[in-house]
Amino acid sequence: FELLNKANSFFYWFDFAQMKYLYISESVFNVMGYTADEWREGGPGFAFSTVHPEDVVRLKKCHEELFRYFFAQPLHERKSIRYGYETRVQSKEGKTVWLLQQGSFIE
């Protein structure tokens, strides 16, 4: 994890059942200017508030399609789903940052 904390990328574990972040790498500061604690405490509403205004509708549609697809799959196949998308976000300093989000679902 130490090497990842120095990267210009960050990762997190998110619990969709509880709608909260379980872990956020410290390197979120390198990308977004927020500490991991700020990001975790702010929750998904805070994270979504950083999305560039022009990307909000597209990101909502992307999430809707992702979960429509996820729930249409048999339970035993859901763990193999991988996804990725790009969106613009605004850092704490107000800079626009392009993010590539890649993810998967785990039990």
C-alpha atoms as a PDB file:
ATOM      1  CA  PHE A   1       0.000   0.000   0.000  1.00  0.00           C
ATOM      2  CA  GLU A   2       2.922   2.363   0.663  1.00  0.00           C
ATOM      3  CA  LEU A   3       3.875   2.467  -3.016  1.00  0.00           C
ATOM      4  CA  LEU A   4       0.255   3.131  -4.027  1.00  0.00           C
ATOM      5  CA  ASN A   5       0.041   6.022  -1.571  1.00  0.00           C
ATOM      6  CA  LYS A   6       2.744   7.826  -3.570  1.00  0.00           C
ATOM      7  CA  ALA A   7       0.994   7.347  -6.913  1.00  0.00           C
ATOM      8  CA  ASN A   8      -1.032   9.826  -8.939  1.00  0.00           C
ATOM      9  CA  SER A   9      -3.952   7.469  -8.708  1.00  0.00           C
ATOM     10  CA  PHE A  10      -6.119   6.270  -5.863  1.00  0.00           C
ATOM     11  CA  PHE A  11      -8.310   3.342  -5.059  1.00  0.00           C
ATOM     12  CA  TYR A  12     -11.142   2.600  -2.727  1.00  0.00           C
ATOM     13  CA  TRP A  13     -13.441  -0.129  -1.496  1.00  0.00           C
ATOM     14  CA  PHE A  14     -17.077   0.842  -1.458  1.00  0.00           C
ATOM     15  CA  ASP A  15     -19.886  -1.065   0.256  1.00  0.00           C
ATOM     16  CA  PHE A  16     -23.006  -0.645  -1.897  1.00  0.00           C
ATOM     17  CA  ALA A  17     -25.228  -2.256   0.749  1.00  0.00           C
ATOM     18  CA  GLN A  18     -24.250   0.389   3.324  1.00  0.00           C
ATOM     19  CA  MET A  19     -23.493   3.113   0.755  1.00  0.00           C
ATOM     20  CA  LYS A  20     -20.182   4.011   2.363  1.00  0.00           C
ATOM     21  CA  TYR A  21     -16.475   3.875   1.662  1.00  0.00           C
ATOM     22  CA  LEU A  22     -14.687   1.147   3.590  1.00  0.00           C
ATOM     23  CA  TYR A  23     -11.224   2.225   2.506  1.00  0.00           C
ATOM     24  CA  ILE A  24      -9.673   5.047   0.490  1.00  0.00           C
ATOM     25  CA  SER A  25      -5.975   5.199  -0.284  1.00  0.00           C
ATOM     26  CA  GLU A  26      -4.063   8.186   1.024  1.00  0.00           C
ATOM     27  CA  SER A  27      -3.044   8.961  -2.560  1.00  0.00           C
ATOM     28  CA  VAL A  28      -6.483  10.510  -3.145  1.00  0.00           C
ATOM     29  CA  PHE A  29      -4.727  13.648  -1.875  1.00  0.00           C
ATOM     30  CA  ASN A  30      -2.242  13.519  -4.795  1.00  0.00           C
ATOM     31  CA  VAL A  31      -5.098  13.493  -7.308  1.00  0.00           C
ATOM     32  CA  MET A  32      -7.920  15.431  -5.689  1.00  0.00           C
ATOM     33  CA  GLY A  33      -6.359  17.507  -2.898  1.00  0.00           C
ATOM     34  CA  TYR A  34      -8.633  15.920  -0.276  1.00  0.00           C
ATOM     35  CA  THR A  35      -7.426  13.641   2.495  1.00  0.00           C
ATOM     36  CA  ALA A  36      -8.701  10.090   2.664  1.00  0.00           C
ATOM     37  CA  ASP A  37     -10.566  11.038   5.857  1.00  0.00           C
ATOM     38  CA  GLU A  38     -12.309  13.974   4.141  1.00  0.00           C
ATOM     39  CA  TRP A  39     -13.337  11.723   1.246  1.00  0.00           C
ATOM     40  CA  ARG A  40     -14.527   8.878   3.490  1.00  0.00           C
ATOM     41  CA  GLU A  41     -16.452  11.149   5.871  1.00  0.00           C
ATOM     42  CA  GLY A  42     -18.060  13.019   2.972  1.00  0.00           C
ATOM     43  CA  GLY A  43     -19.310   9.758   1.510  1.00  0.00           C
ATOM     44  CA  PRO A  44     -20.711   9.154  -1.947  1.00  0.00           C
ATOM     45  CA  GLY A  45     -22.683  12.414  -1.950  1.00  0.00           C
ATOM     46  CA  PHE A  46     -19.477  14.348  -1.481  1.00  0.00           C
ATOM     47  CA  ALA A  47     -17.669  12.333  -4.148  1.00  0.00           C
ATOM     48  CA  PHE A  48     -20.511  12.919  -6.605  1.00  0.00           C
ATOM     49  CA  SER A  49     -20.420  16.660  -5.837  1.00  0.00           C
ATOM     50  CA  THR A  50     -16.902  16.794  -7.311  1.00  0.00           C
ATOM     51  CA  VAL A  51     -18.139  15.619 -10.739  1.00  0.00           C
ATOM     52  CA  HIS A  52     -17.856  18.286 -13.405  1.00  0.00           C
ATOM     53  CA  PRO A  53     -21.336  19.783 -14.009  1.00  0.00           C
ATOM     54  CA  GLU A  54     -21.264  18.873 -17.704  1.00  0.00           C
ATOM     55  CA  ASP A  55     -20.646  15.193 -16.839  1.00  0.00           C
ATOM     56  CA  VAL A  56     -23.324  14.702 -14.165  1.00  0.00           C
ATOM     57  CA  VAL A  57     -26.133  13.477 -16.449  1.00  0.00           C
ATOM     58  CA  ARG A  58     -23.814  11.173 -18.398  1.00  0.00           C
ATOM     59  CA  LEU A  59     -22.373   9.700 -15.184  1.00  0.00           C
ATOM     60  CA  LYS A  60     -25.834   9.064 -13.739  1.00  0.00           C
ATOM     61  CA  LYS A  61     -26.843   7.237 -16.942  1.00  0.00           C
ATOM     62  CA  CYS A  62     -23.610   5.246 -16.827  1.00  0.00           C
ATOM     63  CA  HIS A  63     -24.322   4.129 -13.255  1.00  0.00           C
ATOM     64  CA  GLU A  64     -27.927   3.253 -14.118  1.00  0.00           C
ATOM     65  CA  GLU A  65     -26.786   1.076 -17.022  1.00  0.00           C
ATOM     66  CA  LEU A  66     -24.033  -0.534 -14.955  1.00  0.00           C
ATOM     67  CA  PHE A  67     -26.445  -1.603 -12.235  1.00  0.00           C
ATOM     68  CA  ARG A  68     -29.131  -2.626 -14.712  1.00  0.00           C
ATOM     69  CA  TYR A  69     -26.567  -4.927 -16.308  1.00  0.00           C
ATOM     70  CA  PHE A  70     -25.246  -6.139 -12.927  1.00  0.00           C
ATOM     71  CA  PHE A  71     -28.657  -7.146 -11.605  1.00  0.00           C
ATOM     72  CA  ALA A  72     -29.573  -8.824 -14.895  1.00  0.00           C
ATOM     73  CA  GLN A  73     -26.688 -11.273 -14.489  1.00  0.00           C
ATOM     74  CA  PRO A  74     -26.924 -14.559 -12.565  1.00  0.00           C
ATOM     75  CA  LEU A  75     -25.494 -14.311  -9.042  1.00  0.00           C
ATOM     76  CA  HIS A  76     -22.566 -16.617  -9.808  1.00  0.00           C
ATOM     77  CA  GLU A  77     -21.431 -14.398 -12.713  1.00  0.00           C
ATOM     78  CA  ARG A  78     -21.553 -11.016 -10.975  1.00  0.00           C
ATOM     79  CA  LYS A  79     -18.071 -11.329  -9.465  1.00  0.00           C
ATOM     80  CA  SER A  80     -16.580 -11.519 -12.967  1.00  0.00           C
ATOM     81  CA  ILE A  81     -18.028  -8.162 -14.078  1.00  0.00           C
ATOM     82  CA  ARG A  82     -15.416  -5.480 -14.743  1.00  0.00           C
ATOM     83  CA  TYR A  83     -16.216  -1.928 -15.763  1.00  0.00           C
ATOM     84  CA  GLY A  84     -14.536   1.335 -16.595  1.00  0.00           C
ATOM     85  CA  TYR A  85     -15.480   4.885 -17.493  1.00  0.00           C
ATOM     86  CA  GLU A  86     -13.976   8.353 -17.655  1.00  0.00           C
ATOM     87  CA  THR A  87     -15.321  11.498 -16.061  1.00  0.00           C
ATOM     88  CA  ARG A  88     -14.098  14.930 -15.159  1.00  0.00           C
ATOM     89  CA  VAL A  89     -13.991  15.995 -11.526  1.00  0.00           C
ATOM     90  CA  GLN A  90     -12.946  19.143  -9.742  1.00  0.00           C
ATOM     91  CA  SER A  91     -10.133  18.989  -7.222  1.00  0.00           C
ATOM     92  CA  LYS A  92     -10.183  20.790  -3.892  1.00  0.00           C
ATOM     93  CA  GLU A  93      -8.214  23.599  -5.575  1.00  0.00           C
ATOM     94  CA  GLY A  94     -10.847  23.866  -8.324  1.00  0.00           C
ATOM     95  CA  LYS A  95      -8.762  22.245 -11.063  1.00  0.00           C
ATOM     96  CA  THR A  96     -10.468  19.959 -13.567  1.00  0.00           C
ATOM     97  CA  VAL A  97      -9.068  16.433 -13.414  1.00  0.00           C
ATOM     98  CA  TRP A  98      -9.845  13.590 -15.833  1.00  0.00           C
ATOM     99  CA  LEU A  99     -10.402  10.343 -13.957  1.00  0.00           C
ATOM    100  CA  LEU A 100     -10.473   6.859 -15.400  1.00  0.00           C
ATOM    101  CA  GLN A 101     -12.437   4.704 -13.000  1.00  0.00           C
ATOM    102  CA  GLN A 102     -12.046   0.970 -13.255  1.00  0.00           C
ATOM    103  CA  GLY A 103     -13.864  -1.387 -10.975  1.00  0.00           C
ATOM    104  CA  SER A 104     -15.212  -4.794 -10.192  1.00  0.00           C
ATOM    105  CA  PHE A 105     -17.647  -6.290  -7.761  1.00  0.00           C
ATOM    106  CA  ILE A 106     -16.573  -8.482  -4.876  1.00  0.00           C
ATOM    107  CA  GLU A 107     -18.604 -10.304  -2.273  1.00  0.00           C
END
